[in-house]
């Protein structure tokens, strides 16, 4: 009973100091972190997002002096893992790897989410951006120009696979069809991996995917890489032209990542995590890992810059997604 009274008294003193400004959140942040940090990934183990998170967590753990432990909470197109972060205690011990699917696409896809991206989450900093490549089966016209011409003369006959209704590869595929003024047949799969397998077998014509998974098929002669997004050709596949080179300068297809935390996480803690993130992104091992997947680092950024980036992406993409009227049932 005495111990409980002592703890109560200590808590009251701390509360009083905080209220009076005698003991700031900055002072609390100086001791942070005092235990392992949980990094929630809203996709399965072994996915590209998971790989980036584990490499990033390893470096950030060394910098912060505490392990950064990846926890996979897949499902709902990333909304389950996002909800875990949004509803976690805002103490810096639960953070998340955010993606364009979670923080942009889902906002336009789902009429109601269990969290508010703008109010319940905040960015720690940006991580990376990955351009997408248009992959074609070997039976599909060999160039982007020939593909578009064939699609215009045979509307609805060229098919494109996706990782499922509302996935990034679905939304980007629709955006490509609109930009090229063609009609394509959408074939949804349970993940891009299954779509890529069917494409290599000639069962579907096109797919937007990352170079890290598409390049091996191209090297085996099972697929063609028609064009890649971005301002310049990728070092991973320097022979693949950009969409801009091929007459589509305004078309862009990419995914991106950030680190995020519950909205009420103290600024001093956010700043400490941001500094560790930016330092990790500058490390040679981390740069090499991103380059291997044809991704570019978006760091260093401040939390405010990262928040502004996410808001701009939602302003750009959410109206387009809503206009697609995608039925997820």
C-alpha atoms as a PDB file:
ATOM      1  CA  UNK A   1       0.000   0.000   0.000  1.00  0.00           C
ATOM      2  CA  UNK A   2       2.889   2.354   0.838  1.00  0.00           C
ATOM      3  CA  UNK A   3       4.463   1.565  -2.552  1.00  0.00           C
ATOM      4  CA  UNK A   4       1.243   2.479  -4.327  1.00  0.00           C
ATOM      5  CA  UNK A   5       1.044   5.773  -2.424  1.00  0.00           C
ATOM      6  CA  UNK A   6       4.670   6.519  -3.287  1.00  0.00           C
ATOM      7  CA  UNK A   7       4.039   5.836  -6.988  1.00  0.00           C
ATOM      8  CA  UNK A   8       0.922   7.989  -6.880  1.00  0.00           C
ATOM      9  CA  UNK A   9       2.832  10.808  -5.257  1.00  0.00           C
ATOM     10  CA  UNK A  10       5.632  10.551  -7.826  1.00  0.00           C
ATOM     11  CA  UNK A  11       3.149  10.632 -10.672  1.00  0.00           C
ATOM     12  CA  UNK A  12       1.469  13.681  -9.174  1.00  0.00           C
ATOM     13  CA  UNK A  13       4.805  15.485  -8.880  1.00  0.00           C
ATOM     14  CA  UNK A  14       5.690  14.664 -12.508  1.00  0.00           C
ATOM     15  CA  UNK A  15       2.278  15.831 -13.661  1.00  0.00           C
ATOM     16  CA  UNK A  16       2.725  19.064 -11.757  1.00  0.00           C
ATOM     17  CA  UNK A  17       6.165  19.662 -13.223  1.00  0.00           C
ATOM     18  CA  UNK A  18       4.898  19.041 -16.729  1.00  0.00           C
ATOM     19  CA  UNK A  19       1.950  21.370 -16.199  1.00  0.00           C
ATOM     20  CA  UNK A  20       4.170  24.124 -14.813  1.00  0.00           C
ATOM     21  CA  UNK A  21       6.860  23.710 -17.437  1.00  0.00           C
ATOM     22  CA  UNK A  22       9.385  22.612 -14.827  1.00  0.00           C
ATOM     23  CA  UNK A  23       9.983  19.309 -16.624  1.00  0.00           C
ATOM     24  CA  UNK A  24       9.625  19.540 -20.402  1.00  0.00           C
ATOM     25  CA  UNK A  25       8.812  16.934 -23.006  1.00  0.00           C
ATOM     26  CA  UNK A  26      12.271  17.763 -24.359  1.00  0.00           C
ATOM     27  CA  UNK A  27      13.752  16.377 -21.143  1.00  0.00           C
ATOM     28  CA  UNK A  28      11.685  13.230 -21.507  1.00  0.00           C
ATOM     29  CA  UNK A  29      12.824  12.889 -25.112  1.00  0.00           C
ATOM     30  CA  UNK A  30      16.469  13.070 -24.087  1.00  0.00           C
ATOM     31  CA  UNK A  31      16.040   9.723 -22.359  1.00  0.00           C
ATOM     32  CA  UNK A  32      14.203   8.257 -25.363  1.00  0.00           C
ATOM     33  CA  UNK A  33      14.443   5.471 -26.366  1.00  0.00           C
ATOM     34  CA  UNK A  34      14.744   3.351 -23.243  1.00  0.00           C
ATOM     35  CA  UNK A  35      13.339   0.137 -24.749  1.00  0.00           C
ATOM     36  CA  UNK A  36      12.906  -1.493 -28.191  1.00  0.00           C
ATOM     37  CA  UNK A  37      10.874   0.328 -30.829  1.00  0.00           C
ATOM     38  CA  UNK A  38       8.189  -1.481 -32.819  1.00  0.00           C
ATOM     39  CA  UNK A  39       8.157  -0.755 -36.567  1.00  0.00           C
ATOM     40  CA  UNK A  40       4.847  -1.901 -38.060  1.00  0.00           C
ATOM     41  CA  UNK A  41       4.828  -3.005 -41.706  1.00  0.00           C
ATOM     42  CA  UNK A  42       1.332  -3.343 -43.148  1.00  0.00           C
ATOM     43  CA  UNK A  43       2.366  -5.983 -45.682  1.00  0.00           C
ATOM     44  CA  UNK A  44       3.672  -9.542 -45.569  1.00  0.00           C
ATOM     45  CA  UNK A  45       7.143 -10.763 -44.670  1.00  0.00           C
ATOM     46  CA  UNK A  46       9.444 -10.802 -47.666  1.00  0.00           C
ATOM     47  CA  UNK A  47       7.626  -8.049 -49.558  1.00  0.00           C
ATOM     48  CA  UNK A  48       9.580  -5.091 -50.910  1.00  0.00           C
ATOM     49  CA  UNK A  49       8.220  -2.877 -48.131  1.00  0.00           C
ATOM     50  CA  UNK A  50       9.205  -5.436 -45.505  1.00  0.00           C
ATOM     51  CA  UNK A  51      12.753  -5.640 -46.863  1.00  0.00           C
ATOM     52  CA  UNK A  52      13.180  -1.863 -46.802  1.00  0.00           C
ATOM     53  CA  UNK A  53      11.802  -1.692 -43.248  1.00  0.00           C
ATOM     54  CA  UNK A  54      14.155  -4.364 -41.927  1.00  0.00           C
ATOM     55  CA  UNK A  55      17.228  -2.751 -43.456  1.00  0.00           C
ATOM     56  CA  UNK A  56      16.151   0.664 -42.209  1.00  0.00           C
ATOM     57  CA  UNK A  57      15.312  -0.696 -38.752  1.00  0.00           C
ATOM     58  CA  UNK A  58      18.739  -2.298 -38.442  1.00  0.00           C
ATOM     59  CA  UNK A  59      20.529   0.980 -39.087  1.00  0.00           C
ATOM     60  CA  UNK A  60      18.185   3.102 -36.988  1.00  0.00           C
ATOM     61  CA  UNK A  61      18.536   0.657 -34.093  1.00  0.00           C
ATOM     62  CA  UNK A  62      22.317   1.108 -34.138  1.00  0.00           C
ATOM     63  CA  UNK A  63      21.932   4.889 -34.199  1.00  0.00           C
ATOM     64  CA  UNK A  64      19.314   5.056 -31.417  1.00  0.00           C
ATOM     65  CA  UNK A  65      20.913   2.420 -29.200  1.00  0.00           C
ATOM     66  CA  UNK A  66      17.765   0.291 -29.001  1.00  0.00           C
ATOM     67  CA  UNK A  67      16.488  -2.463 -31.332  1.00  0.00           C
ATOM     68  CA  UNK A  68      13.937  -1.456 -33.955  1.00  0.00           C
ATOM     69  CA  UNK A  69      11.812  -4.586 -34.307  1.00  0.00           C
ATOM     70  CA  UNK A  70       9.706  -5.084 -37.444  1.00  0.00           C
ATOM     71  CA  UNK A  71       6.178  -6.403 -36.901  1.00  0.00           C
ATOM     72  CA  UNK A  72       4.116  -7.434 -39.941  1.00  0.00           C
ATOM     73  CA  UNK A  73       0.394  -6.659 -39.726  1.00  0.00           C
ATOM     74  CA  UNK A  74      -0.880  -7.372 -43.232  1.00  0.00           C
ATOM     75  CA  UNK A  75      -4.449  -7.110 -44.511  1.00  0.00           C
ATOM     76  CA  UNK A  76      -7.015  -4.666 -45.816  1.00  0.00           C
ATOM     77  CA  UNK A  77      -4.661  -3.252 -48.444  1.00  0.00           C
ATOM     78  CA  UNK A  78      -2.470  -1.946 -45.634  1.00  0.00           C
ATOM     79  CA  UNK A  79      -5.291  -0.433 -43.564  1.00  0.00           C
ATOM     80  CA  UNK A  80      -4.924  -2.950 -40.702  1.00  0.00           C
ATOM     81  CA  UNK A  81      -1.287  -2.102 -40.058  1.00  0.00           C
ATOM     82  CA  UNK A  82      -1.982   1.607 -40.480  1.00  0.00           C
ATOM     83  CA  UNK A  83      -4.714   1.406 -37.846  1.00  0.00           C
ATOM     84  CA  UNK A  84      -2.301  -0.264 -35.419  1.00  0.00           C
ATOM     85  CA  UNK A  85       0.013   2.754 -35.678  1.00  0.00           C
ATOM     86  CA  UNK A  86      -2.784   5.335 -35.573  1.00  0.00           C
ATOM     87  CA  UNK A  87      -4.197   3.896 -32.342  1.00  0.00           C
ATOM     88  CA  UNK A  88      -0.874   3.156 -30.607  1.00  0.00           C
ATOM     89  CA  UNK A  89       0.327   5.089 -27.561  1.00  0.00           C
ATOM     90  CA  UNK A  90       1.977   8.294 -28.850  1.00  0.00           C
ATOM     91  CA  UNK A  91       5.256   7.660 -27.054  1.00  0.00           C
ATOM     92  CA  UNK A  92       7.605   6.877 -29.955  1.00  0.00           C
ATOM     93  CA  UNK A  93       7.701   3.145 -29.253  1.00  0.00           C
ATOM     94  CA  UNK A  94       5.297   2.242 -32.085  1.00  0.00           C
ATOM     95  CA  UNK A  95       6.011   3.676 -35.515  1.00  0.00           C
ATOM     96  CA  UNK A  96       5.092   2.480 -39.000  1.00  0.00           C
ATOM     97  CA  UNK A  97       6.412   2.221 -42.521  1.00  0.00           C
ATOM     98  CA  UNK A  98       3.876   4.143 -44.551  1.00  0.00           C
ATOM     99  CA  UNK A  99       3.277   3.602 -48.268  1.00  0.00           C
ATOM    100  CA  UNK A 100       1.346   5.337 -51.027  1.00  0.00           C
ATOM    101  CA  UNK A 101      -1.194   2.513 -50.851  1.00  0.00           C
ATOM    102  CA  UNK A 102      -1.882   3.160 -47.163  1.00  0.00           C
ATOM    103  CA  UNK A 103      -1.700   6.939 -47.089  1.00  0.00           C
ATOM    104  CA  UNK A 104      -3.135   7.852 -50.502  1.00  0.00           C
ATOM    105  CA  UNK A 105      -4.863   5.049 -52.407  1.00  0.00           C
ATOM    106  CA  UNK A 106      -6.910   3.738 -49.469  1.00  0.00           C
ATOM    107  CA  UNK A 107      -8.204   7.232 -48.726  1.00  0.00           C
ATOM    108  CA  UNK A 108      -9.853   7.288 -52.136  1.00  0.00           C
ATOM    109  CA  UNK A 109     -10.870   3.623 -52.176  1.00  0.00           C
ATOM    110  CA  UNK A 110     -12.611   3.083 -48.861  1.00  0.00           C
ATOM    111  CA  UNK A 111     -15.680   5.164 -47.943  1.00  0.00           C
ATOM    112  CA  UNK A 112     -14.789   4.773 -44.287  1.00  0.00           C
ATOM    113  CA  UNK A 113     -11.469   3.918 -42.635  1.00  0.00           C
ATOM    114  CA  UNK A 114     -11.003   3.256 -38.887  1.00  0.00           C
ATOM    115  CA  UNK A 115      -8.565   6.180 -38.747  1.00  0.00           C
ATOM    116  CA  UNK A 116      -8.102   9.630 -40.259  1.00  0.00           C
ATOM    117  CA  UNK A 117      -4.807   9.908 -42.146  1.00  0.00           C
ATOM    118  CA  UNK A 118      -4.662  13.676 -41.617  1.00  0.00           C
ATOM    119  CA  UNK A 119      -5.654  13.738 -37.938  1.00  0.00           C
ATOM    120  CA  UNK A 120      -4.394  10.453 -36.458  1.00  0.00           C
ATOM    121  CA  UNK A 121      -0.977  10.141 -38.104  1.00  0.00           C
ATOM    122  CA  UNK A 122       2.035  12.304 -38.754  1.00  0.00           C
ATOM    123  CA  UNK A 123       5.178  11.783 -40.771  1.00  0.00           C
ATOM    124  CA  UNK A 124       8.601  11.265 -39.255  1.00  0.00           C
ATOM    125  CA  UNK A 125      10.275  11.646 -42.649  1.00  0.00           C
ATOM    126  CA  UNK A 126      10.301  10.334 -46.207  1.00  0.00           C
ATOM    127  CA  UNK A 127      12.173   7.136 -47.064  1.00  0.00           C
ATOM    128  CA  UNK A 128      12.144   6.314 -50.768  1.00  0.00           C
ATOM    129  CA  UNK A 129      10.387   6.492 -54.108  1.00  0.00           C
ATOM    130  CA  UNK A 130      10.268   3.557 -56.544  1.00  0.00           C
ATOM    131  CA  UNK A 131       9.448   4.034 -60.228  1.00  0.00           C
ATOM    132  CA  UNK A 132       7.221   1.435 -61.864  1.00  0.00           C
ATOM    133  CA  UNK A 133       7.885  -0.224 -65.203  1.00  0.00           C
ATOM    134  CA  UNK A 134       5.344  -1.321 -67.801  1.00  0.00           C
ATOM    135  CA  UNK A 135       5.917  -5.058 -68.249  1.00  0.00           C
ATOM    136  CA  UNK A 136       4.515  -6.820 -71.312  1.00  0.00           C
ATOM    137  CA  UNK A 137       4.131 -10.465 -72.298  1.00  0.00           C
ATOM    138  CA  UNK A 138       6.224 -11.650 -75.250  1.00  0.00           C
ATOM    139  CA  UNK A 139       3.079 -11.930 -77.401  1.00  0.00           C
ATOM    140  CA  UNK A 140       2.295  -8.217 -76.909  1.00  0.00           C
ATOM    141  CA  UNK A 141       3.500  -5.563 -79.417  1.00  0.00           C
ATOM    142  CA  UNK A 142       7.212  -4.910 -78.882  1.00  0.00           C
ATOM    143  CA  UNK A 143       7.212  -1.145 -78.318  1.00  0.00           C
ATOM    144  CA  UNK A 144       5.047   1.328 -76.430  1.00  0.00           C
ATOM    145  CA  UNK A 145       4.080   3.064 -79.686  1.00  0.00           C
ATOM    146  CA  UNK A 146       3.017  -0.229 -81.283  1.00  0.00           C
ATOM    147  CA  UNK A 147       1.122  -1.236 -78.123  1.00  0.00           C
ATOM    148  CA  UNK A 148      -0.882   1.990 -78.031  1.00  0.00           C
ATOM    149  CA  UNK A 149      -1.665   1.786 -81.736  1.00  0.00           C
ATOM    150  CA  UNK A 150      -2.832  -1.826 -81.401  1.00  0.00           C
ATOM    151  CA  UNK A 151      -4.956  -0.991 -78.340  1.00  0.00           C
ATOM    152  CA  UNK A 152      -6.650   1.866 -80.214  1.00  0.00           C
ATOM    153  CA  UNK A 153      -7.564  -0.415 -83.112  1.00  0.00           C
ATOM    154  CA  UNK A 154      -8.634  -3.229 -80.773  1.00  0.00           C
ATOM    155  CA  UNK A 155     -10.336  -1.484 -77.792  1.00  0.00           C
ATOM    156  CA  UNK A 156     -10.699  -3.659 -74.706  1.00  0.00           C
ATOM    157  CA  UNK A 157      -8.689  -6.531 -76.181  1.00  0.00           C
ATOM    158  CA  UNK A 158      -5.363  -5.791 -74.463  1.00  0.00           C
ATOM    159  CA  UNK A 159      -5.462  -6.926 -70.841  1.00  0.00           C
ATOM    160  CA  UNK A 160      -3.509  -5.692 -67.854  1.00  0.00           C
ATOM    161  CA  UNK A 161      -3.092  -7.482 -64.548  1.00  0.00           C
ATOM    162  CA  UNK A 162      -2.957  -5.903 -61.114  1.00  0.00           C
ATOM    163  CA  UNK A 163      -2.408  -6.839 -57.509  1.00  0.00           C
ATOM    164  CA  UNK A 164      -6.151  -6.531 -56.928  1.00  0.00           C
ATOM    165  CA  UNK A 165      -8.940  -3.989 -57.177  1.00  0.00           C
ATOM    166  CA  UNK A 166      -7.726  -0.667 -55.865  1.00  0.00           C
ATOM    167  CA  UNK A 167      -4.060  -1.711 -55.700  1.00  0.00           C
ATOM    168  CA  UNK A 168      -1.355   0.654 -56.891  1.00  0.00           C
ATOM    169  CA  UNK A 169      -0.924  -1.422 -60.061  1.00  0.00           C
ATOM    170  CA  UNK A 170      -4.673  -1.111 -60.745  1.00  0.00           C
ATOM    171  CA  UNK A 171      -4.809   2.651 -60.247  1.00  0.00           C
ATOM    172  CA  UNK A 172      -1.643   3.222 -62.284  1.00  0.00           C
ATOM    173  CA  UNK A 173      -2.979   0.958 -65.050  1.00  0.00           C
ATOM    174  CA  UNK A 174      -6.154   3.020 -65.284  1.00  0.00           C
ATOM    175  CA  UNK A 175      -4.115   6.212 -65.286  1.00  0.00           C
ATOM    176  CA  UNK A 176      -1.975   4.858 -68.147  1.00  0.00           C
ATOM    177  CA  UNK A 177      -5.070   3.963 -70.199  1.00  0.00           C
ATOM    178  CA  UNK A 178      -6.424   7.456 -69.675  1.00  0.00           C
ATOM    179  CA  UNK A 179      -3.119   9.139 -70.545  1.00  0.00           C
ATOM    180  CA  UNK A 180      -2.724   7.045 -73.714  1.00  0.00           C
ATOM    181  CA  UNK A 181      -6.427   7.416 -74.616  1.00  0.00           C
ATOM    182  CA  UNK A 182      -6.944   3.672 -74.923  1.00  0.00           C
ATOM    183  CA  UNK A 183      -9.295   1.060 -73.449  1.00  0.00           C
ATOM    184  CA  UNK A 184      -7.726  -1.860 -71.562  1.00  0.00           C
ATOM    185  CA  UNK A 185      -9.221  -4.934 -69.896  1.00  0.00           C
ATOM    186  CA  UNK A 186      -8.448  -5.093 -66.164  1.00  0.00           C
ATOM    187  CA  UNK A 187      -7.677  -8.533 -64.690  1.00  0.00           C
ATOM    188  CA  UNK A 188      -7.265  -8.366 -60.870  1.00  0.00           C
ATOM    189  CA  UNK A 189      -5.120 -10.891 -58.988  1.00  0.00           C
ATOM    190  CA  UNK A 190      -4.344 -11.518 -55.348  1.00  0.00           C
ATOM    191  CA  UNK A 191      -1.041  -9.695 -55.452  1.00  0.00           C
ATOM    192  CA  UNK A 192       1.319  -8.583 -58.207  1.00  0.00           C
ATOM    193  CA  UNK A 193       3.331 -11.798 -57.897  1.00  0.00           C
ATOM    194  CA  UNK A 194       0.473 -13.927 -59.225  1.00  0.00           C
ATOM    195  CA  UNK A 195      -0.159 -11.427 -62.029  1.00  0.00           C
ATOM    196  CA  UNK A 196       3.497 -11.508 -63.030  1.00  0.00           C
ATOM    197  CA  UNK A 197       3.446 -15.311 -63.221  1.00  0.00           C
ATOM    198  CA  UNK A 198       0.415 -15.222 -65.501  1.00  0.00           C
ATOM    199  CA  UNK A 199       1.998 -12.530 -67.639  1.00  0.00           C
ATOM    200  CA  UNK A 200       5.126 -14.650 -68.136  1.00  0.00           C
ATOM    201  CA  UNK A 201       2.824 -17.461 -69.274  1.00  0.00           C
ATOM    202  CA  UNK A 202       1.043 -15.208 -71.758  1.00  0.00           C
ATOM    203  CA  UNK A 203      -2.307 -15.189 -69.946  1.00  0.00           C
ATOM    204  CA  UNK A 204      -2.343 -11.419 -69.449  1.00  0.00           C
ATOM    205  CA  UNK A 205      -0.674  -8.755 -71.602  1.00  0.00           C
ATOM    206  CA  UNK A 206       0.515  -5.978 -69.303  1.00  0.00           C
ATOM    207  CA  UNK A 207       1.399  -5.197 -65.699  1.00  0.00           C
ATOM    208  CA  UNK A 208       2.905  -2.261 -63.822  1.00  0.00           C
ATOM    209  CA  UNK A 209       5.505  -3.556 -61.389  1.00  0.00           C
ATOM    210  CA  UNK A 210       8.886  -2.756 -59.846  1.00  0.00           C
ATOM    211  CA  UNK A 211      12.124  -3.411 -61.711  1.00  0.00           C
ATOM    212  CA  UNK A 212      13.394  -5.670 -58.931  1.00  0.00           C
ATOM    213  CA  UNK A 213      10.731  -8.284 -59.740  1.00  0.00           C
ATOM    214  CA  UNK A 214      10.246  -7.591 -63.460  1.00  0.00           C
ATOM    215  CA  UNK A 215      13.894  -7.543 -64.565  1.00  0.00           C
ATOM    216  CA  UNK A 216      14.575 -11.263 -63.910  1.00  0.00           C
ATOM    217  CA  UNK A 217      11.688 -12.248 -66.197  1.00  0.00           C
ATOM    218  CA  UNK A 218      12.980  -9.964 -68.928  1.00  0.00           C
ATOM    219  CA  UNK A 219      16.444 -11.519 -68.654  1.00  0.00           C
ATOM    220  CA  UNK A 220      14.890 -14.988 -68.982  1.00  0.00           C
ATOM    221  CA  UNK A 221      13.059 -13.946 -72.141  1.00  0.00           C
ATOM    222  CA  UNK A 222       9.649 -14.318 -70.477  1.00  0.00           C
ATOM    223  CA  UNK A 223       8.629 -10.656 -70.617  1.00  0.00           C
ATOM    224  CA  UNK A 224       9.485  -7.302 -72.145  1.00  0.00           C
ATOM    225  CA  UNK A 225      10.020  -4.001 -70.364  1.00  0.00           C
ATOM    226  CA  UNK A 226       8.397  -1.332 -72.522  1.00  0.00           C
ATOM    227  CA  UNK A 227       8.914   1.855 -70.512  1.00  0.00           C
ATOM    228  CA  UNK A 228       9.846   3.016 -67.032  1.00  0.00           C
ATOM    229  CA  UNK A 229       8.586   5.976 -65.060  1.00  0.00           C
ATOM    230  CA  UNK A 230      10.853   8.767 -63.888  1.00  0.00           C
ATOM    231  CA  UNK A 231      12.863  11.685 -65.223  1.00  0.00           C
ATOM    232  CA  UNK A 232      15.743   9.487 -66.330  1.00  0.00           C
ATOM    233  CA  UNK A 233      16.474   5.872 -67.155  1.00  0.00           C
ATOM    234  CA  UNK A 234      17.108   3.505 -64.279  1.00  0.00           C
ATOM    235  CA  UNK A 235      20.645   2.324 -63.573  1.00  0.00           C
ATOM    236  CA  UNK A 236      19.153  -1.134 -62.974  1.00  0.00           C
ATOM    237  CA  UNK A 237      17.810  -1.323 -66.573  1.00  0.00           C
ATOM    238  CA  UNK A 238      19.542   1.430 -68.574  1.00  0.00           C
ATOM    239  CA  UNK A 239      18.236   0.095 -71.901  1.00  0.00           C
ATOM    240  CA  UNK A 240      14.590   0.650 -70.943  1.00  0.00           C
ATOM    241  CA  UNK A 241      13.357   4.075 -72.143  1.00  0.00           C
ATOM    242  CA  UNK A 242      11.270   6.391 -70.000  1.00  0.00           C
ATOM    243  CA  UNK A 243       7.657   7.243 -70.782  1.00  0.00           C
ATOM    244  CA  UNK A 244       8.799  10.830 -71.351  1.00  0.00           C
ATOM    245  CA  UNK A 245      11.232   9.714 -74.043  1.00  0.00           C
ATOM    246  CA  UNK A 246       8.414   7.852 -75.752  1.00  0.00           C
ATOM    247  CA  UNK A 247       6.033  10.781 -75.958  1.00  0.00           C
ATOM    248  CA  UNK A 248       4.227  10.613 -72.592  1.00  0.00           C
ATOM    249  CA  UNK A 249       5.996  13.361 -70.600  1.00  0.00           C
ATOM    250  CA  UNK A 250       3.204  13.889 -68.046  1.00  0.00           C
ATOM    251  CA  UNK A 251       2.628  10.222 -67.194  1.00  0.00           C
ATOM    252  CA  UNK A 252       4.182   9.105 -63.908  1.00  0.00           C
ATOM    253  CA  UNK A 253       3.926   5.761 -62.114  1.00  0.00           C
ATOM    254  CA  UNK A 254       5.601   5.168 -58.774  1.00  0.00           C
ATOM    255  CA  UNK A 255       5.261   4.103 -55.164  1.00  0.00           C
ATOM    256  CA  UNK A 256       6.781   5.782 -52.129  1.00  0.00           C
ATOM    257  CA  UNK A 257       7.479   5.195 -48.425  1.00  0.00           C
ATOM    258  CA  UNK A 258       7.718   7.218 -45.272  1.00  0.00           C
ATOM    259  CA  UNK A 259       8.028   6.589 -41.556  1.00  0.00           C
ATOM    260  CA  UNK A 260       4.950   7.592 -39.572  1.00  0.00           C
ATOM    261  CA  UNK A 261       3.859   7.840 -35.950  1.00  0.00           C
ATOM    262  CA  UNK A 262       0.688   8.519 -33.961  1.00  0.00           C
ATOM    263  CA  UNK A 263      -0.264  12.179 -34.355  1.00  0.00           C
ATOM    264  CA  UNK A 264       0.197  13.132 -30.686  1.00  0.00           C
ATOM    265  CA  UNK A 265       3.772  11.834 -30.442  1.00  0.00           C
ATOM    266  CA  UNK A 266       5.874  14.605 -28.831  1.00  0.00           C
ATOM    267  CA  UNK A 267       7.741  16.768 -31.318  1.00  0.00           C
ATOM    268  CA  UNK A 268      11.061  16.138 -29.559  1.00  0.00           C
ATOM    269  CA  UNK A 269      10.623  12.375 -30.057  1.00  0.00           C
ATOM    270  CA  UNK A 270       9.620  12.872 -33.706  1.00  0.00           C
ATOM    271  CA  UNK A 271      12.738  14.995 -34.216  1.00  0.00           C
ATOM    272  CA  UNK A 272      14.968  12.319 -32.693  1.00  0.00           C
ATOM    273  CA  UNK A 273      13.474   9.642 -34.933  1.00  0.00           C
ATOM    274  CA  UNK A 274      13.770  11.950 -37.946  1.00  0.00           C
ATOM    275  CA  UNK A 275      17.474  12.519 -37.277  1.00  0.00           C
ATOM    276  CA  UNK A 276      18.054   8.751 -36.995  1.00  0.00           C
ATOM    277  CA  UNK A 277      16.095   8.119 -40.214  1.00  0.00           C
ATOM    278  CA  UNK A 278      18.048  10.695 -42.214  1.00  0.00           C
ATOM    279  CA  UNK A 279      21.355   9.379 -40.881  1.00  0.00           C
ATOM    280  CA  UNK A 280      20.359   5.794 -41.774  1.00  0.00           C
ATOM    281  CA  UNK A 281      19.370   6.795 -45.317  1.00  0.00           C
ATOM    282  CA  UNK A 282      22.834   8.309 -45.831  1.00  0.00           C
ATOM    283  CA  UNK A 283      24.612   5.050 -44.957  1.00  0.00           C
ATOM    284  CA  UNK A 284      26.232   3.152 -47.872  1.00  0.00           C
ATOM    285  CA  UNK A 285      24.477  -0.146 -47.024  1.00  0.00           C
ATOM    286  CA  UNK A 286      21.079   1.534 -47.029  1.00  0.00           C
ATOM    287  CA  UNK A 287      21.796   3.368 -50.280  1.00  0.00           C
ATOM    288  CA  UNK A 288      22.886   0.084 -51.874  1.00  0.00           C
ATOM    289  CA  UNK A 289      19.725  -1.694 -50.710  1.00  0.00           C
ATOM    290  CA  UNK A 290      17.491   0.985 -52.202  1.00  0.00           C
ATOM    291  CA  UNK A 291      19.473   1.046 -55.447  1.00  0.00           C
ATOM    292  CA  UNK A 292      19.121  -2.725 -55.736  1.00  0.00           C
ATOM    293  CA  UNK A 293      15.364  -2.258 -55.943  1.00  0.00           C
ATOM    294  CA  UNK A 294      15.726   0.720 -58.323  1.00  0.00           C
ATOM    295  CA  UNK A 295      14.467   3.004 -55.543  1.00  0.00           C
ATOM    296  CA  UNK A 296      15.743   6.488 -54.827  1.00  0.00           C
ATOM    297  CA  UNK A 297      16.176   7.888 -51.346  1.00  0.00           C
ATOM    298  CA  UNK A 298      13.886  10.826 -50.574  1.00  0.00           C
ATOM    299  CA  UNK A 299      15.947  11.884 -47.571  1.00  0.00           C
ATOM    300  CA  UNK A 300      16.923  13.955 -45.853  1.00  0.00           C
ATOM    301  CA  UNK A 301      13.564  15.559 -45.113  1.00  0.00           C
ATOM    302  CA  UNK A 302      12.005  17.237 -42.105  1.00  0.00           C
ATOM    303  CA  UNK A 303       8.732  15.939 -40.620  1.00  0.00           C
ATOM    304  CA  UNK A 304       6.963  19.023 -41.990  1.00  0.00           C
ATOM    305  CA  UNK A 305       8.287  18.407 -45.492  1.00  0.00           C
ATOM    306  CA  UNK A 306       7.183  14.769 -45.317  1.00  0.00           C
ATOM    307  CA  UNK A 307       3.680  15.760 -44.152  1.00  0.00           C
ATOM    308  CA  UNK A 308       3.411  18.277 -46.998  1.00  0.00           C
ATOM    309  CA  UNK A 309       4.507  15.606 -49.494  1.00  0.00           C
ATOM    310  CA  UNK A 310       1.747  13.239 -48.340  1.00  0.00           C
ATOM    311  CA  UNK A 311      -0.870  15.973 -48.501  1.00  0.00           C
ATOM    312  CA  UNK A 312       0.168  16.878 -52.045  1.00  0.00           C
ATOM    313  CA  UNK A 313      -0.009  13.215 -53.111  1.00  0.00           C
ATOM    314  CA  UNK A 314      -3.534  12.893 -51.702  1.00  0.00           C
ATOM    315  CA  UNK A 315      -4.606  16.089 -53.463  1.00  0.00           C
ATOM    316  CA  UNK A 316      -3.267  14.665 -56.730  1.00  0.00           C
ATOM    317  CA  UNK A 317      -4.505  11.076 -56.572  1.00  0.00           C
ATOM    318  CA  UNK A 318      -7.621  10.834 -54.377  1.00  0.00           C
ATOM    319  CA  UNK A 319      -9.938  12.707 -56.813  1.00  0.00           C
ATOM    320  CA  UNK A 320      -8.712  10.461 -59.647  1.00  0.00           C
ATOM    321  CA  UNK A 321      -9.327   7.305 -57.600  1.00  0.00           C
ATOM    322  CA  UNK A 322     -12.804   8.477 -56.615  1.00  0.00           C
ATOM    323  CA  UNK A 323     -13.605   9.121 -60.279  1.00  0.00           C
ATOM    324  CA  UNK A 324     -12.742   5.499 -61.100  1.00  0.00           C
ATOM    325  CA  UNK A 325     -15.637   4.323 -58.890  1.00  0.00           C
ATOM    326  CA  UNK A 326     -13.839   1.094 -58.014  1.00  0.00           C
ATOM    327  CA  UNK A 327     -16.132  -1.556 -56.542  1.00  0.00           C
ATOM    328  CA  UNK A 328     -14.114  -3.483 -53.924  1.00  0.00           C
ATOM    329  CA  UNK A 329     -16.821  -6.128 -53.361  1.00  0.00           C
END
